[in-house]
Protein backbone atom coordinates (compact mmCIF):
# COMPACT_ATOMS: atom_id res chain seq x y z
CA MET A 1 -32.74 33.62 -11.93
CA ILE A 2 -34.51 35.15 -9.71
CA VAL A 3 -33.29 38.20 -8.06
CA ILE A 4 -34.59 38.98 -4.42
CA VAL A 5 -33.59 42.51 -2.41
CA ASP A 6 -33.56 42.32 1.50
CA GLU A 7 -31.75 43.42 4.60
CA ARG A 8 -32.58 40.40 5.92
CA GLU A 9 -30.06 37.64 5.17
CA LEU A 10 -33.04 34.53 7.08
CA VAL A 11 -35.31 36.12 4.51
CA LYS A 12 -32.60 35.76 1.45
CA ASP A 13 -31.42 32.41 2.65
CA GLY A 14 -35.00 31.37 2.58
CA TYR A 15 -36.09 32.13 -0.39
CA HIS A 16 -33.33 30.82 -2.22
CA SER A 17 -33.67 27.58 -0.61
CA LEU A 18 -37.12 27.11 -2.03
CA PHE A 19 -36.33 28.10 -5.12
CA GLU A 20 -33.36 26.15 -5.53
CA ARG A 21 -36.00 23.05 -4.66
CA GLU A 22 -38.02 24.49 -7.21
CA GLY A 23 -34.75 24.11 -10.07
CA VAL A 24 -35.16 27.85 -10.35
CA ALA A 25 -32.22 29.85 -9.90
CA SER A 26 -31.32 32.69 -7.45
CA ALA A 27 -29.37 35.57 -5.98
CA GLY A 28 -30.01 37.42 -2.90
CA PHE A 29 -28.88 41.32 -2.30
CA GLY A 30 -28.88 44.06 0.23
CA SER A 31 -29.93 47.41 -0.77
CA ASN A 32 -27.05 49.24 -1.13
CA GLU A 33 -25.20 46.39 -3.09
CA PHE A 34 -28.17 46.22 -5.26
CA GLY A 35 -28.57 50.07 -6.39
CA GLU A 36 -24.71 48.97 -7.34
CA TRP A 37 -25.12 46.27 -9.38
CA VAL A 38 -28.23 47.27 -11.04
CA SER A 39 -26.65 50.54 -12.25
CA THR A 40 -23.19 48.81 -13.29
CA ALA A 41 -24.05 44.98 -14.65
CA ALA A 42 -23.79 43.63 -18.13
CA GLU A 43 -27.02 43.38 -20.44
CA ASP A 44 -25.85 39.80 -20.69
CA ASP A 45 -26.30 39.52 -16.98
CA LEU A 46 -29.69 41.61 -16.55
CA LYS A 47 -31.15 39.31 -19.57
CA ALA A 48 -30.90 36.45 -17.14
CA VAL A 49 -33.18 38.00 -14.36
CA ARG A 50 -36.79 36.33 -14.21
CA ALA A 51 -37.97 38.89 -12.25
CA PHE A 52 -37.21 40.78 -8.66
CA LEU A 53 -38.65 40.35 -5.72
CA ILE A 54 -38.62 43.54 -3.35
CA GLY A 55 -38.79 43.08 0.19
CA GLU A 56 -37.73 45.03 3.09
CA CYS A 57 -34.98 47.33 1.87
CA SER A 58 -34.70 51.20 1.35
CA SER A 59 -36.41 52.12 -1.08
CA ASP A 60 -33.86 54.91 -1.64
CA LEU A 61 -32.05 52.60 -3.29
CA VAL A 62 -34.21 50.30 -4.42
CA SER A 63 -36.56 52.06 -6.81
CA PRO A 64 -39.05 49.65 -9.69
CA ARG A 65 -38.19 53.01 -11.63
CA ARG A 66 -34.86 52.61 -11.99
CA ILE A 67 -34.66 48.76 -12.08
CA ARG A 68 -37.41 49.19 -15.27
CA ASP A 69 -34.97 51.43 -16.70
CA ARG A 70 -32.51 48.66 -17.35
CA THR A 71 -34.59 45.60 -17.80
CA THR A 72 -37.95 44.69 -18.89
CA ALA A 73 -38.32 41.73 -15.94
CA PRO A 74 -41.38 42.07 -13.69
CA VAL A 75 -40.78 43.60 -10.39
CA ILE A 76 -42.77 42.50 -7.48
CA ALA A 77 -43.08 44.00 -4.10
CA LEU A 78 -43.22 40.89 -1.07
CA SER A 79 -45.39 43.06 1.98
CA ASP A 80 -45.16 41.60 5.54
CA GLN A 81 -47.63 44.60 5.95
CA HIS A 82 -50.96 43.78 5.34
CA SER A 83 -52.67 46.93 4.44
CA LEU A 84 -54.41 49.05 2.00
CA GLU A 85 -52.45 52.26 1.96
CA ASN A 86 -49.47 50.11 1.80
CA THR A 87 -50.50 47.89 -0.99
CA LEU A 88 -51.26 51.50 -2.26
CA ARG A 89 -48.18 52.74 -1.89
CA LEU A 90 -45.78 50.21 -3.22
CA PHE A 91 -48.00 50.14 -6.20
CA GLU A 92 -47.37 53.84 -6.68
CA SER A 93 -43.62 53.01 -6.23
CA GLY A 94 -43.86 50.84 -9.88
CA VAL A 95 -43.79 47.82 -8.96
CA ASP A 96 -45.93 45.13 -10.99
CA ASP A 97 -47.59 43.51 -7.95
CA VAL A 98 -47.67 42.59 -4.09
CA ILE A 99 -47.73 40.04 -2.72
CA ARG A 100 -48.31 39.86 0.56
CA LYS A 101 -46.95 37.07 2.93
CA PRO A 102 -46.48 34.30 4.05
CA VAL A 103 -47.10 32.87 0.10
CA HIS A 104 -46.13 29.74 -1.52
CA ILE A 105 -43.30 30.17 -4.02
CA ARG A 106 -45.54 28.59 -6.58
CA GLU A 107 -48.11 31.41 -6.68
CA ILE A 108 -44.63 33.82 -6.42
CA LEU A 109 -43.26 31.72 -9.34
CA ALA A 110 -47.33 31.81 -11.17
CA ARG A 111 -47.47 35.08 -11.19
CA ILE A 112 -44.16 36.68 -12.38
CA SER A 113 -45.15 33.69 -15.81
CA ALA A 114 -48.45 35.63 -15.35
CA ILE A 115 -46.87 39.19 -15.88
CA SER A 116 -44.86 37.64 -18.56
CA ARG A 117 -47.31 36.45 -20.08
CA ARG A 118 -48.74 39.82 -20.40
CA VAL A 119 -45.38 41.50 -22.03
CA GLN A 120 -45.37 38.58 -24.37
CA GLU A 121 -49.02 39.43 -25.94
CA ASP A 122 -50.66 37.08 -23.12
CA LYS A 123 -49.98 33.47 -24.50
CA PRO A 124 -48.01 31.28 -22.45
CA TYR A 125 -46.13 29.84 -24.74
CA SER A 126 -44.47 29.40 -28.39
CA GLU A 127 -44.78 27.36 -31.22
CA PHE A 128 -41.77 26.31 -33.33
CA GLY A 129 -42.61 24.04 -35.93
CA PRO A 130 -44.70 21.01 -33.75
CA MET A 131 -43.08 22.24 -30.85
CA ARG A 132 -44.88 24.09 -28.34
CA ILE A 133 -42.58 25.29 -25.39
CA PHE A 134 -44.46 26.90 -22.42
CA ILE A 135 -42.80 29.74 -20.15
CA ASP A 136 -44.75 28.76 -16.94
CA GLY A 137 -43.30 25.28 -15.71
CA ARG A 138 -45.38 23.21 -17.93
CA ASP A 139 -43.18 20.44 -20.02
CA PRO A 140 -43.02 20.88 -24.20
CA GLU A 141 -45.43 19.56 -26.00
CA ILE A 142 -44.67 18.34 -29.84
CA ASP A 143 -47.80 17.23 -31.68
CA GLY A 144 -49.87 18.65 -28.98
CA GLU A 145 -48.22 14.97 -26.45
CA PRO A 146 -45.96 16.14 -22.98
CA LEU A 147 -42.57 15.96 -23.20
CA PRO A 148 -41.43 15.24 -19.72
CA LEU A 149 -38.02 16.51 -19.43
CA PRO A 150 -35.68 17.68 -15.98
CA ARG A 151 -35.58 20.89 -14.69
CA ARG A 152 -32.58 22.40 -16.04
CA GLU A 153 -33.13 21.03 -19.85
CA ARG A 154 -36.75 22.67 -19.43
CA ARG A 155 -35.57 25.88 -18.42
CA ILE A 156 -32.86 25.24 -20.94
CA LEU A 157 -35.26 25.28 -23.92
CA GLU A 158 -37.56 28.03 -22.23
CA PHE A 159 -34.54 30.32 -22.36
CA LEU A 160 -34.07 29.73 -25.89
CA ALA A 161 -37.56 29.63 -26.56
CA SER A 162 -37.38 33.64 -24.89
CA ASN A 163 -34.86 34.41 -27.36
CA ALA A 164 -36.34 33.39 -30.45
CA GLY A 165 -34.86 34.54 -33.40
CA ARG A 166 -31.21 35.26 -31.66
CA ARG A 167 -28.34 33.21 -30.80
CA VAL A 168 -27.20 33.10 -27.25
CA THR A 169 -24.08 32.07 -25.39
CA LYS A 170 -23.24 29.05 -23.14
CA THR A 171 -22.45 32.30 -20.61
CA GLN A 172 -25.94 33.39 -20.85
CA VAL A 173 -27.41 29.94 -20.74
CA PHE A 174 -25.83 29.57 -17.55
CA ASN A 175 -26.52 32.36 -15.87
CA ALA A 176 -30.30 32.22 -16.81
CA ILE A 177 -29.98 28.23 -15.38
CA TYR A 178 -28.18 29.00 -12.51
CA GLY A 179 -27.28 32.63 -11.32
CA ILE A 180 -24.59 35.02 -11.80
CA PHE A 181 -23.28 34.38 -8.56
CA ASP A 182 -23.33 30.43 -8.92
CA GLU A 183 -19.23 29.34 -8.44
CA GLU A 184 -19.63 25.99 -6.98
CA VAL A 185 -20.98 24.56 -10.94
CA GLU A 186 -18.79 24.71 -13.77
CA GLU A 187 -20.39 26.68 -16.51
CA ASN A 188 -19.22 23.19 -19.11
CA VAL A 189 -22.68 21.93 -17.74
CA VAL A 190 -24.48 23.49 -19.66
CA GLU A 191 -23.21 21.94 -22.57
CA SER A 192 -24.16 18.46 -21.17
CA HIS A 193 -28.11 19.67 -20.41
CA ILE A 194 -27.68 20.72 -23.99
CA SER A 195 -26.45 17.05 -25.27
CA LYS A 196 -28.85 15.34 -23.49
CA LEU A 197 -31.74 17.84 -24.70
CA ARG A 198 -31.30 17.80 -28.28
CA LYS A 199 -31.00 13.88 -28.35
CA LYS A 200 -34.34 13.88 -26.48
CA LEU A 201 -35.64 16.35 -29.36
CA ARG A 202 -33.97 14.69 -32.18
CA GLU A 203 -36.01 11.80 -31.16
CA LYS A 204 -39.10 12.96 -31.03
CA LEU A 205 -38.91 15.43 -33.51
CA GLY A 206 -36.80 13.92 -36.19
CA TYR A 207 -34.12 16.48 -36.55
CA ASP A 208 -32.25 18.94 -33.92
CA PRO A 209 -34.58 22.07 -33.13
CA ILE A 210 -31.07 23.67 -31.82
CA ASP A 211 -28.58 25.45 -33.95
CA SER A 212 -24.98 25.85 -32.10
CA LYS A 213 -22.38 27.85 -33.38
CA ARG A 214 -18.72 28.02 -31.92
CA PHE A 215 -18.31 30.94 -30.01
CA LEU A 216 -21.56 32.55 -31.20
CA GLY A 217 -23.91 30.24 -29.01
CA TYR A 218 -27.33 28.28 -29.63
CA ARG A 219 -30.60 29.21 -31.04
CA LEU A 220 -33.89 27.53 -31.39
CA VAL A 221 -34.74 26.66 -35.40
CA THR A 222 -38.40 25.16 -36.67
């Protein structure tokens, strides 16, 4: 999930629509509500956040360093001002990157992936046996051959890979794929997506790489 912080409803709605077209969940906040949320949000909710996009908002309430105290997700400033002075000021505030607008939504996603790769030992993928899972939106590969997946199933697989070695609950998967504030979709849809994903992986691998335990959640195995 991408979190957008901006005082302008039109801007938040616009980015939400663009991310939705790419199959990426997002949530928008104003300065006041974001400041309160990031300070009190549960750890599982913060783990579902892929990146924070900071637009026009109060610097007193929206501090990149304050965000960093609670999560390692990339913090990116969206700037309407094309000046060196403003760019340097934003970097000094603690953001990971500054993007000048206008910008294509796919460039934003590419920059998020690039920052995440640097945090994760600079590798754009994880390997589980013969399976290679990318974090930049590419379909996974099995024995070097791409396995085309619908966007939701691909994002679930990426989320499981990013949490290698530990289980994630159905709620955590839902929050990562649909966003923590999406009340229009039932959480049980995760079970349907995972069932379809397991079937495709089982057909290619000859075994089920998603281990599930009732009440404990899911994890990838080799």
